[in-house]
Full PDB file with SEQRES, HELIX, SHEET, SSBOND, CRYST1, ORIGX, SCALE, CONECT and MASTER records, all heavy atoms in Angstrom:
SEQRES   1 A   40  PRO GLN ALA ILE TYR THR ALA THR GLY GLY ALA PRO GLY          
SEQRES   2 A   40  LEU GLY MET VAL ALA TRP LEU ILE THR GLY LEU VAL CYS          
SEQRES   3 A   40  ILE ALA ALA ALA MET THR PHE ALA GLU VAL ALA ILE MET          
SEQRES   4 A   40  ILE                                                          
HELIX    1 AA1 GLN A    2  ALA A    7  1                                   6    
HELIX    2 AA2 GLY A   13  MET A   39  1                                  27    
CRYST1    1.000    1.000    1.000  90.00  90.00  90.00 P 1           1          
ORIGX1      1.000000  0.000000  0.000000        0.00000                         
ORIGX2      0.000000  1.000000  0.000000        0.00000                         
ORIGX3      0.000000  0.000000  1.000000        0.00000                         
SCALE1      1.000000  0.000000  0.000000        0.00000                         
SCALE2      0.000000  1.000000  0.000000        0.00000                         
SCALE3      0.000000  0.000000  1.000000        0.00000                         
ATOM      1  N   PRO A   1     -10.046   3.909   4.744  1.00  0.00           N  
ATOM      2  CA  PRO A   1     -10.509   4.008   6.146  1.00  0.00           C  
ATOM      3  C   PRO A   1     -10.799   5.433   6.595  1.00  0.00           C  
ATOM      4  O   PRO A   1     -11.710   5.658   7.397  1.00  0.00           O  
ATOM      5  CB  PRO A   1      -9.350   3.389   6.933  1.00  0.00           C  
ATOM      6  CG  PRO A   1      -8.771   2.384   5.999  1.00  0.00           C  
ATOM      7  CD  PRO A   1      -8.859   3.027   4.642  1.00  0.00           C  
ATOM      8  N   GLN A   2     -10.055   6.401   6.087  1.00  0.00           N  
ATOM      9  CA  GLN A   2     -10.292   7.793   6.484  1.00  0.00           C  
ATOM     10  C   GLN A   2     -11.708   8.238   6.100  1.00  0.00           C  
ATOM     11  O   GLN A   2     -12.441   8.805   6.908  1.00  0.00           O  
ATOM     12  CB  GLN A   2      -9.252   8.705   5.820  1.00  0.00           C  
ATOM     13  CG  GLN A   2      -9.305  10.140   6.318  1.00  0.00           C  
ATOM     14  CD  GLN A   2      -9.995  11.096   5.350  1.00  0.00           C  
ATOM     15  OE1 GLN A   2     -10.285  10.730   4.214  1.00  0.00           O  
ATOM     16  NE2 GLN A   2     -10.265  12.300   5.803  1.00  0.00           N  
ATOM     17  N   ALA A   3     -12.117   7.959   4.855  1.00  0.00           N  
ATOM     18  CA  ALA A   3     -13.459   8.332   4.405  1.00  0.00           C  
ATOM     19  C   ALA A   3     -14.524   7.557   5.167  1.00  0.00           C  
ATOM     20  O   ALA A   3     -15.596   8.097   5.502  1.00  0.00           O  
ATOM     21  CB  ALA A   3     -13.596   8.075   2.904  1.00  0.00           C  
ATOM     22  N   ILE A   4     -14.240   6.288   5.451  1.00  0.00           N  
ATOM     23  CA  ILE A   4     -15.207   5.433   6.141  1.00  0.00           C  
ATOM     24  C   ILE A   4     -15.477   5.952   7.550  1.00  0.00           C  
ATOM     25  O   ILE A   4     -16.635   6.116   7.966  1.00  0.00           O  
ATOM     26  CB  ILE A   4     -14.698   3.978   6.165  1.00  0.00           C  
ATOM     27  CG1 ILE A   4     -14.820   3.378   4.758  1.00  0.00           C  
ATOM     28  CG2 ILE A   4     -15.473   3.135   7.177  1.00  0.00           C  
ATOM     29  CD1 ILE A   4     -14.132   2.054   4.585  1.00  0.00           C  
ATOM     30  N   TYR A   5     -14.413   6.239   8.299  1.00  0.00           N  
ATOM     31  CA  TYR A   5     -14.609   6.662   9.685  1.00  0.00           C  
ATOM     32  C   TYR A   5     -15.024   8.122   9.796  1.00  0.00           C  
ATOM     33  O   TYR A   5     -15.588   8.529  10.814  1.00  0.00           O  
ATOM     34  CB  TYR A   5     -13.356   6.350  10.501  1.00  0.00           C  
ATOM     35  CG  TYR A   5     -13.085   4.859  10.572  1.00  0.00           C  
ATOM     36  CD1 TYR A   5     -11.858   4.324  10.208  1.00  0.00           C  
ATOM     37  CD2 TYR A   5     -14.098   3.979  10.966  1.00  0.00           C  
ATOM     38  CE1 TYR A   5     -11.626   2.961  10.241  1.00  0.00           C  
ATOM     39  CE2 TYR A   5     -13.890   2.620  10.996  1.00  0.00           C  
ATOM     40  CZ  TYR A   5     -12.645   2.100  10.629  1.00  0.00           C  
ATOM     41  OH  TYR A   5     -12.437   0.755  10.663  1.00  0.00           O  
ATOM     42  N   THR A   6     -14.806   8.895   8.752  1.00  0.00           N  
ATOM     43  CA  THR A   6     -15.379  10.243   8.708  1.00  0.00           C  
ATOM     44  C   THR A   6     -16.897  10.147   8.581  1.00  0.00           C  
ATOM     45  O   THR A   6     -17.645  10.860   9.263  1.00  0.00           O  
ATOM     46  CB  THR A   6     -14.803  11.044   7.528  1.00  0.00           C  
ATOM     47  OG1 THR A   6     -13.402  11.227   7.719  1.00  0.00           O  
ATOM     48  CG2 THR A   6     -15.461  12.410   7.422  1.00  0.00           C  
ATOM     49  N   ALA A   7     -17.357   9.245   7.696  1.00  0.00           N  
ATOM     50  CA  ALA A   7     -18.798   9.064   7.486  1.00  0.00           C  
ATOM     51  C   ALA A   7     -19.496   8.540   8.746  1.00  0.00           C  
ATOM     52  O   ALA A   7     -20.644   8.911   9.017  1.00  0.00           O  
ATOM     53  CB  ALA A   7     -19.045   8.113   6.322  1.00  0.00           C  
ATOM     54  N   THR A   8     -18.806   7.686   9.519  1.00  0.00           N  
ATOM     55  CA  THR A   8     -19.423   7.116  10.726  1.00  0.00           C  
ATOM     56  C   THR A   8     -19.268   8.021  11.944  1.00  0.00           C  
ATOM     57  O   THR A   8     -19.695   7.653  13.042  1.00  0.00           O  
ATOM     58  CB  THR A   8     -18.812   5.743  11.063  1.00  0.00           C  
ATOM     59  OG1 THR A   8     -17.415   5.912  11.366  1.00  0.00           O  
ATOM     60  CG2 THR A   8     -18.991   4.762   9.925  1.00  0.00           C  
ATOM     61  N   GLY A   9     -18.646   9.189  11.766  1.00  0.00           N  
ATOM     62  CA  GLY A   9     -18.432  10.086  12.893  1.00  0.00           C  
ATOM     63  C   GLY A   9     -17.382   9.586  13.860  1.00  0.00           C  
ATOM     64  O   GLY A   9     -17.417   9.895  15.054  1.00  0.00           O  
ATOM     65  N   GLY A  10     -16.441   8.789  13.349  1.00  0.00           N  
ATOM     66  CA  GLY A  10     -15.371   8.264  14.195  1.00  0.00           C  
ATOM     67  C   GLY A  10     -15.710   6.978  14.912  1.00  0.00           C  
ATOM     68  O   GLY A  10     -14.917   6.467  15.707  1.00  0.00           O  
ATOM     69  N   ALA A  11     -16.894   6.424  14.627  1.00  0.00           N  
ATOM     70  CA  ALA A  11     -17.299   5.146  15.235  1.00  0.00           C  
ATOM     71  C   ALA A  11     -16.864   4.001  14.331  1.00  0.00           C  
ATOM     72  O   ALA A  11     -17.003   4.079  13.108  1.00  0.00           O  
ATOM     73  CB  ALA A  11     -18.806   5.115  15.433  1.00  0.00           C  
ATOM     74  N   PRO A  12     -16.334   2.900  14.895  1.00  0.00           N  
ATOM     75  CA  PRO A  12     -15.796   1.826  14.051  1.00  0.00           C  
ATOM     76  C   PRO A  12     -16.812   0.799  13.555  1.00  0.00           C  
ATOM     77  O   PRO A  12     -16.618   0.183  12.511  1.00  0.00           O  
ATOM     78  CB  PRO A  12     -14.789   1.145  14.987  1.00  0.00           C  
ATOM     79  CG  PRO A  12     -15.371   1.342  16.351  1.00  0.00           C  
ATOM     80  CD  PRO A  12     -16.060   2.689  16.319  1.00  0.00           C  
ATOM     81  N   GLY A  13     -17.916   0.581  14.303  1.00  0.00           N  
ATOM     82  CA  GLY A  13     -18.782  -0.574  14.071  1.00  0.00           C  
ATOM     83  C   GLY A  13     -19.348  -0.707  12.677  1.00  0.00           C  
ATOM     84  O   GLY A  13     -19.113  -1.713  11.993  1.00  0.00           O  
ATOM     85  N   LEU A  14     -20.107   0.293  12.214  1.00  0.00           N  
ATOM     86  CA  LEU A  14     -20.752   0.184  10.906  1.00  0.00           C  
ATOM     87  C   LEU A  14     -19.713   0.184   9.786  1.00  0.00           C  
ATOM     88  O   LEU A  14     -19.941  -0.421   8.733  1.00  0.00           O  
ATOM     89  CB  LEU A  14     -21.747   1.332  10.705  1.00  0.00           C  
ATOM     90  CG  LEU A  14     -22.707   1.192   9.520  1.00  0.00           C  
ATOM     91  CD1 LEU A  14     -23.548  -0.075   9.646  1.00  0.00           C  
ATOM     92  CD2 LEU A  14     -23.611   2.411   9.398  1.00  0.00           C  
ATOM     93  N   GLY A  15     -18.576   0.821  10.021  1.00  0.00           N  
ATOM     94  CA  GLY A  15     -17.500   0.799   9.031  1.00  0.00           C  
ATOM     95  C   GLY A  15     -17.001  -0.616   8.791  1.00  0.00           C  
ATOM     96  O   GLY A  15     -16.797  -1.032   7.643  1.00  0.00           O  
ATOM     97  N   MET A  16     -16.814  -1.381   9.867  1.00  0.00           N  
ATOM     98  CA  MET A  16     -16.357  -2.773   9.723  1.00  0.00           C  
ATOM     99  C   MET A  16     -17.431  -3.633   9.065  1.00  0.00           C  
ATOM    100  O   MET A  16     -17.135  -4.462   8.206  1.00  0.00           O  
ATOM    101  CB  MET A  16     -15.989  -3.340  11.097  1.00  0.00           C  
ATOM    102  CG  MET A  16     -14.752  -2.713  11.728  1.00  0.00           C  
ATOM    103  SD  MET A  16     -13.247  -2.994  10.752  1.00  0.00           S  
ATOM    104  CE  MET A  16     -13.031  -4.762  10.980  1.00  0.00           C  
ATOM    105  N   VAL A  17     -18.685  -3.415   9.448  1.00  0.00           N  
ATOM    106  CA  VAL A  17     -19.795  -4.180   8.861  1.00  0.00           C  
ATOM    107  C   VAL A  17     -19.911  -3.890   7.366  1.00  0.00           C  
ATOM    108  O   VAL A  17     -20.225  -4.780   6.567  1.00  0.00           O  
ATOM    109  CB  VAL A  17     -21.107  -3.855   9.595  1.00  0.00           C  
ATOM    110  CG1 VAL A  17     -22.313  -4.467   8.864  1.00  0.00           C  
ATOM    111  CG2 VAL A  17     -21.056  -4.355  11.030  1.00  0.00           C  
ATOM    112  N   ALA A  18     -19.629  -2.642   6.979  1.00  0.00           N  
ATOM    113  CA  ALA A  18     -19.762  -2.241   5.569  1.00  0.00           C  
ATOM    114  C   ALA A  18     -18.826  -3.031   4.661  1.00  0.00           C  
ATOM    115  O   ALA A  18     -19.166  -3.305   3.509  1.00  0.00           O  
ATOM    116  CB  ALA A  18     -19.483  -0.748   5.416  1.00  0.00           C  
ATOM    117  N   TRP A  19     -17.641  -3.406   5.160  1.00  0.00           N  
ATOM    118  CA  TRP A  19     -16.733  -4.222   4.345  1.00  0.00           C  
ATOM    119  C   TRP A  19     -17.365  -5.576   4.009  1.00  0.00           C  
ATOM    120  O   TRP A  19     -17.205  -6.089   2.894  1.00  0.00           O  
ATOM    121  CB  TRP A  19     -15.411  -4.435   5.073  1.00  0.00           C  
ATOM    122  CG  TRP A  19     -14.551  -3.211   5.145  1.00  0.00           C  
ATOM    123  CD1 TRP A  19     -14.404  -2.366   6.208  1.00  0.00           C  
ATOM    124  CD2 TRP A  19     -13.726  -2.675   4.092  1.00  0.00           C  
ATOM    125  NE1 TRP A  19     -13.551  -1.336   5.883  1.00  0.00           N  
ATOM    126  CE2 TRP A  19     -13.116  -1.495   4.603  1.00  0.00           C  
ATOM    127  CE3 TRP A  19     -13.444  -3.059   2.795  1.00  0.00           C  
ATOM    128  CZ2 TRP A  19     -12.240  -0.718   3.847  1.00  0.00           C  
ATOM    129  CZ3 TRP A  19     -12.579  -2.291   2.034  1.00  0.00           C  
ATOM    130  CH2 TRP A  19     -11.987  -1.129   2.561  1.00  0.00           C  
ATOM    131  N   LEU A  20     -18.113  -6.139   4.953  1.00  0.00           N  
ATOM    132  CA  LEU A  20     -18.754  -7.443   4.723  1.00  0.00           C  
ATOM    133  C   LEU A  20     -19.985  -7.304   3.832  1.00  0.00           C  
ATOM    134  O   LEU A  20     -20.170  -8.073   2.880  1.00  0.00           O  
ATOM    135  CB  LEU A  20     -19.149  -8.068   6.068  1.00  0.00           C  
ATOM    136  CG  LEU A  20     -18.009  -8.326   7.051  1.00  0.00           C  
ATOM    137  CD1 LEU A  20     -18.557  -8.891   8.358  1.00  0.00           C  
ATOM    138  CD2 LEU A  20     -16.987  -9.283   6.449  1.00  0.00           C  
ATOM    139  N   ILE A  21     -20.828  -6.314   4.113  1.00  0.00           N  
ATOM    140  CA  ILE A  21     -22.044  -6.122   3.314  1.00  0.00           C  
ATOM    141  C   ILE A  21     -21.695  -5.837   1.858  1.00  0.00           C  
ATOM    142  O   ILE A  21     -22.268  -6.422   0.933  1.00  0.00           O  
ATOM    143  CB  ILE A  21     -22.885  -4.962   3.891  1.00  0.00           C  
ATOM    144  CG1 ILE A  21     -23.477  -5.358   5.243  1.00  0.00           C  
ATOM    145  CG2 ILE A  21     -24.011  -4.577   2.921  1.00  0.00           C  
ATOM    146  CD1 ILE A  21     -24.206  -4.230   5.950  1.00  0.00           C  
ATOM    147  N   THR A  22     -20.731  -4.952   1.646  1.00  0.00           N  
ATOM    148  CA  THR A  22     -20.359  -4.584   0.276  1.00  0.00           C  
ATOM    149  C   THR A  22     -19.712  -5.755  -0.443  1.00  0.00           C  
ATOM    150  O   THR A  22     -19.903  -5.922  -1.656  1.00  0.00           O  
ATOM    151  CB  THR A  22     -19.415  -3.369   0.285  1.00  0.00           C  
ATOM    152  OG1 THR A  22     -19.997  -2.340   1.086  1.00  0.00           O  
ATOM    153  CG2 THR A  22     -19.198  -2.838  -1.126  1.00  0.00           C  
ATOM    154  N   GLY A  23     -18.973  -6.575   0.279  1.00  0.00           N  
ATOM    155  CA  GLY A  23     -18.405  -7.776  -0.331  1.00  0.00           C  
ATOM    156  C   GLY A  23     -19.487  -8.714  -0.833  1.00  0.00           C  
ATOM    157  O   GLY A  23     -19.391  -9.270  -1.940  1.00  0.00           O  
ATOM    158  N   LEU A  24     -20.552  -8.893  -0.046  1.00  0.00           N  
ATOM    159  CA  LEU A  24     -21.671  -9.743  -0.472  1.00  0.00           C  
ATOM    160  C   LEU A  24     -22.372  -9.161  -1.692  1.00  0.00           C  
ATOM    161  O   LEU A  24     -22.774  -9.898  -2.609  1.00  0.00           O  
ATOM    162  CB  LEU A  24     -22.657  -9.911   0.691  1.00  0.00           C  
ATOM    163  CG  LEU A  24     -22.139 -10.679   1.917  1.00  0.00           C  
ATOM    164  CD1 LEU A  24     -23.138 -10.619   3.056  1.00  0.00           C  
ATOM    165  CD2 LEU A  24     -21.824 -12.137   1.551  1.00  0.00           C  
ATOM    166  N   VAL A  25     -22.507  -7.836  -1.713  1.00  0.00           N  
ATOM    167  CA  VAL A  25     -23.105  -7.170  -2.883  1.00  0.00           C  
ATOM    168  C   VAL A  25     -22.255  -7.427  -4.119  1.00  0.00           C  
ATOM    169  O   VAL A  25     -22.776  -7.720  -5.209  1.00  0.00           O  
ATOM    170  CB  VAL A  25     -23.235  -5.652  -2.625  1.00  0.00           C  
ATOM    171  CG1 VAL A  25     -23.562  -4.908  -3.921  1.00  0.00           C  
ATOM    172  CG2 VAL A  25     -24.310  -5.385  -1.581  1.00  0.00           C  
ATOM    173  N   CYS A  26     -20.939  -7.352  -3.970  1.00  0.00           N  
ATOM    174  CA  CYS A  26     -20.045  -7.569  -5.112  1.00  0.00           C  
ATOM    175  C   CYS A  26     -20.079  -9.015  -5.603  1.00  0.00           C  
ATOM    176  O   CYS A  26     -19.907  -9.270  -6.797  1.00  0.00           O  
ATOM    177  CB  CYS A  26     -18.609  -7.168  -4.750  1.00  0.00           C  
ATOM    178  SG  CYS A  26     -18.378  -5.378  -4.648  1.00  0.00           S  
ATOM    179  N   ILE A  27     -20.296  -9.960  -4.702  1.00  0.00           N  
ATOM    180  CA  ILE A  27     -20.451 -11.354  -5.119  1.00  0.00           C  
ATOM    181  C   ILE A  27     -21.693 -11.491  -6.008  1.00  0.00           C  
ATOM    182  O   ILE A  27     -21.639 -12.083  -7.098  1.00  0.00           O  
ATOM    183  CB  ILE A  27     -20.555 -12.291  -3.898  1.00  0.00           C  
ATOM    184  CG1 ILE A  27     -19.193 -12.403  -3.202  1.00  0.00           C  
ATOM    185  CG2 ILE A  27     -21.039 -13.683  -4.328  1.00  0.00           C  
ATOM    186  CD1 ILE A  27     -19.235 -13.197  -1.907  1.00  0.00           C  
ATOM    187  N   ALA A  28     -22.819 -10.935  -5.546  1.00  0.00           N  
ATOM    188  CA  ALA A  28     -24.055 -10.991  -6.349  1.00  0.00           C  
ATOM    189  C   ALA A  28     -23.865 -10.253  -7.671  1.00  0.00           C  
ATOM    190  O   ALA A  28     -24.303 -10.734  -8.726  1.00  0.00           O  
ATOM    191  CB  ALA A  28     -25.210 -10.377  -5.559  1.00  0.00           C  
ATOM    192  N   ALA A  29     -23.199  -9.103  -7.629  1.00  0.00           N  
ATOM    193  CA  ALA A  29     -22.979  -8.311  -8.842  1.00  0.00           C  
ATOM    194  C   ALA A  29     -22.089  -9.054  -9.827  1.00  0.00           C  
ATOM    195  O   ALA A  29     -22.378  -9.106 -11.032  1.00  0.00           O  
ATOM    196  CB  ALA A  29     -22.347  -6.970  -8.466  1.00  0.00           C  
ATOM    197  N   ALA A  30     -21.002  -9.636  -9.342  1.00  0.00           N  
ATOM    198  CA  ALA A  30     -20.052 -10.324 -10.226  1.00  0.00           C  
ATOM    199  C   ALA A  30     -20.666 -11.573 -10.844  1.00  0.00           C  
ATOM    200  O   ALA A  30     -20.461 -11.859 -12.028  1.00  0.00           O  
ATOM    201  CB  ALA A  30     -18.780 -10.684  -9.448  1.00  0.00           C  
ATOM    202  N   MET A  31     -21.449 -12.329 -10.059  1.00  0.00           N  
ATOM    203  CA  MET A  31     -22.085 -13.527 -10.601  1.00  0.00           C  
ATOM    204  C   MET A  31     -23.123 -13.158 -11.658  1.00  0.00           C  
ATOM    205  O   MET A  31     -23.296 -13.880 -12.644  1.00  0.00           O  
ATOM    206  CB  MET A  31     -22.725 -14.345  -9.474  1.00  0.00           C  
ATOM    207  CG  MET A  31     -21.709 -15.050  -8.585  1.00  0.00           C  
ATOM    208  SD  MET A  31     -22.420 -16.382  -7.575  1.00  0.00           S  
ATOM    209  CE  MET A  31     -23.568 -15.477  -6.572  1.00  0.00           C  
ATOM    210  N   THR A  32     -23.802 -12.024 -11.465  1.00  0.00           N  
ATOM    211  CA  THR A  32     -24.781 -11.560 -12.448  1.00  0.00           C  
ATOM    212  C   THR A  32     -24.076 -11.072 -13.705  1.00  0.00           C  
ATOM    213  O   THR A  32     -24.444 -11.433 -14.831  1.00  0.00           O  
ATOM    214  CB  THR A  32     -25.639 -10.434 -11.846  1.00  0.00           C  
ATOM    215  OG1 THR A  32     -26.266 -10.894 -10.657  1.00  0.00           O  
ATOM    216  CG2 THR A  32     -26.695  -9.968 -12.835  1.00  0.00           C  
ATOM    217  N   PHE A  33     -23.066 -10.242 -13.527  1.00  0.00           N  
ATOM    218  CA  PHE A  33     -22.314  -9.653 -14.626  1.00  0.00           C  
ATOM    219  C   PHE A  33     -21.686 -10.735 -15.499  1.00  0.00           C  
ATOM    220  O   PHE A  33     -21.618 -10.599 -16.732  1.00  0.00           O  
ATOM    221  CB  PHE A  33     -21.217  -8.763 -14.030  1.00  0.00           C  
ATOM    222  CG  PHE A  33     -20.650  -7.732 -14.972  1.00  0.00           C  
ATOM    223  CD1 PHE A  33     -21.192  -6.459 -15.036  1.00  0.00           C  
ATOM    224  CD2 PHE A  33     -19.564  -8.024 -15.782  1.00  0.00           C  
ATOM    225  CE1 PHE A  33     -20.654  -5.494 -15.879  1.00  0.00           C  
ATOM    226  CE2 PHE A  33     -19.026  -7.080 -16.633  1.00  0.00           C  
ATOM    227  CZ  PHE A  33     -19.573  -5.804 -16.679  1.00  0.00           C  
ATOM    228  N   ALA A  34     -21.236 -11.817 -14.865  1.00  0.00           N  
ATOM    229  CA  ALA A  34     -20.534 -12.874 -15.595  1.00  0.00           C  
ATOM    230  C   ALA A  34     -21.410 -13.537 -16.648  1.00  0.00           C  
ATOM    231  O   ALA A  34     -20.921 -13.948 -17.705  1.00  0.00           O  
ATOM    232  CB  ALA A  34     -20.005 -13.919 -14.616  1.00  0.00           C  
ATOM    233  N   GLU A  35     -22.730 -13.632 -16.403  1.00  0.00           N  
ATOM    234  CA  GLU A  35     -23.598 -14.292 -17.378  1.00  0.00           C  
ATOM    235  C   GLU A  35     -23.583 -13.571 -18.718  1.00  0.00           C  
ATOM    236  O   GLU A  35     -23.400 -14.189 -19.779  1.00  0.00           O  
ATOM    237  CB  GLU A  35     -25.030 -14.390 -16.865  1.00  0.00           C  
ATOM    238  CG  GLU A  35     -25.980 -15.002 -17.922  1.00  0.00           C  
ATOM    239  CD  GLU A  35     -27.359 -15.313 -17.385  1.00  0.00           C  
ATOM    240  OE1 GLU A  35     -27.442 -15.901 -16.283  1.00  0.00           O  
ATOM    241  OE2 GLU A  35     -28.355 -14.984 -18.070  1.00  0.00           O  
ATOM    242  N   VAL A  36     -23.755 -12.257 -18.687  1.00  0.00           N  
ATOM    243  CA  VAL A  36     -23.791 -11.507 -19.938  1.00  0.00           C  
ATOM    244  C   VAL A  36     -22.390 -11.384 -20.532  1.00  0.00           C  
ATOM    245  O   VAL A  36     -22.211 -11.342 -21.752  1.00  0.00           O  
ATOM    246  CB  VAL A  36     -24.462 -10.128 -19.721  1.00  0.00           C  
ATOM    247  CG1 VAL A  36     -23.596  -9.196 -18.914  1.00  0.00           C  
ATOM    248  CG2 VAL A  36     -24.872  -9.497 -21.025  1.00  0.00           C  
ATOM    249  N   ALA A  37     -21.365 -11.358 -19.678  1.00  0.00           N  
ATOM    250  CA  ALA A  37     -19.993 -11.250 -20.178  1.00  0.00           C  
ATOM    251  C   ALA A  37     -19.588 -12.500 -20.953  1.00  0.00           C  
ATOM    252  O   ALA A  37     -18.906 -12.413 -21.987  1.00  0.00           O  
ATOM    253  CB  ALA A  37     -19.027 -11.028 -19.009  1.00  0.00           C  
ATOM    254  N   ILE A  38     -20.022 -13.656 -20.477  1.00  0.00           N  
ATOM    255  CA  ILE A  38     -19.677 -14.917 -21.148  1.00  0.00           C  
ATOM    256  C   ILE A  38     -20.548 -15.113 -22.386  1.00  0.00           C  
ATOM    257  O   ILE A  38     -20.092 -15.617 -23.423  1.00  0.00           O  
ATOM    258  CB  ILE A  38     -19.851 -16.096 -20.179  1.00  0.00           C  
ATOM    259  CG1 ILE A  38     -18.844 -15.960 -19.025  1.00  0.00           C  
ATOM    260  CG2 ILE A  38     -19.645 -17.436 -20.883  1.00  0.00           C  
ATOM    261  CD1 ILE A  38     -19.135 -16.863 -17.864  1.00  0.00           C  
ATOM    262  N   MET A  39     -21.798 -14.688 -22.311  1.00  0.00           N  
ATOM    263  CA  MET A  39     -22.718 -14.864 -23.427  1.00  0.00           C  
ATOM    264  C   MET A  39     -22.359 -13.958 -24.604  1.00  0.00           C  
ATOM    265  O   MET A  39     -22.586 -14.296 -25.763  1.00  0.00           O  
ATOM    266  CB  MET A  39     -24.147 -14.578 -22.965  1.00  0.00           C  
ATOM    267  CG  MET A  39     -25.221 -14.940 -23.982  1.00  0.00           C  
ATOM    268  SD  MET A  39     -26.886 -14.671 -23.351  1.00  0.00           S  
ATOM    269  CE  MET A  39     -27.001 -12.886 -23.437  1.00  0.00           C  
ATOM    270  N   ILE A  40     -21.781 -12.768 -24.300  1.00  0.00           N  
ATOM    271  CA  ILE A  40     -21.437 -11.804 -25.348  1.00  0.00           C  
ATOM    272  C   ILE A  40     -19.939 -11.509 -25.264  1.00  0.00           C  
ATOM    273  O   ILE A  40     -19.527 -10.451 -24.761  1.00  0.00           O  
ATOM    274  CB  ILE A  40     -22.246 -10.495 -25.191  1.00  0.00           C  
ATOM    275  CG1 ILE A  40     -23.738 -10.797 -25.054  1.00  0.00           C  
ATOM    276  CG2 ILE A  40     -22.004  -9.555 -26.363  1.00  0.00           C  
ATOM    277  CD1 ILE A  40     -24.589  -9.597 -24.695  1.00  0.00           C  
TER     278      ILE A  40                                                      
MASTER        0    0    0    2    0    0    0    6  277    1    0    4          
END                                                                             
């Protein structure tokens, strides 16, 4: 949280949204990664 709110200039909004956006990115990344991990 310290790095997050430093980047936002002490504003909370985009920091909270970033947890959700990055989670969705990780879902897409993990589902993609799993195909090659299982195949090899």
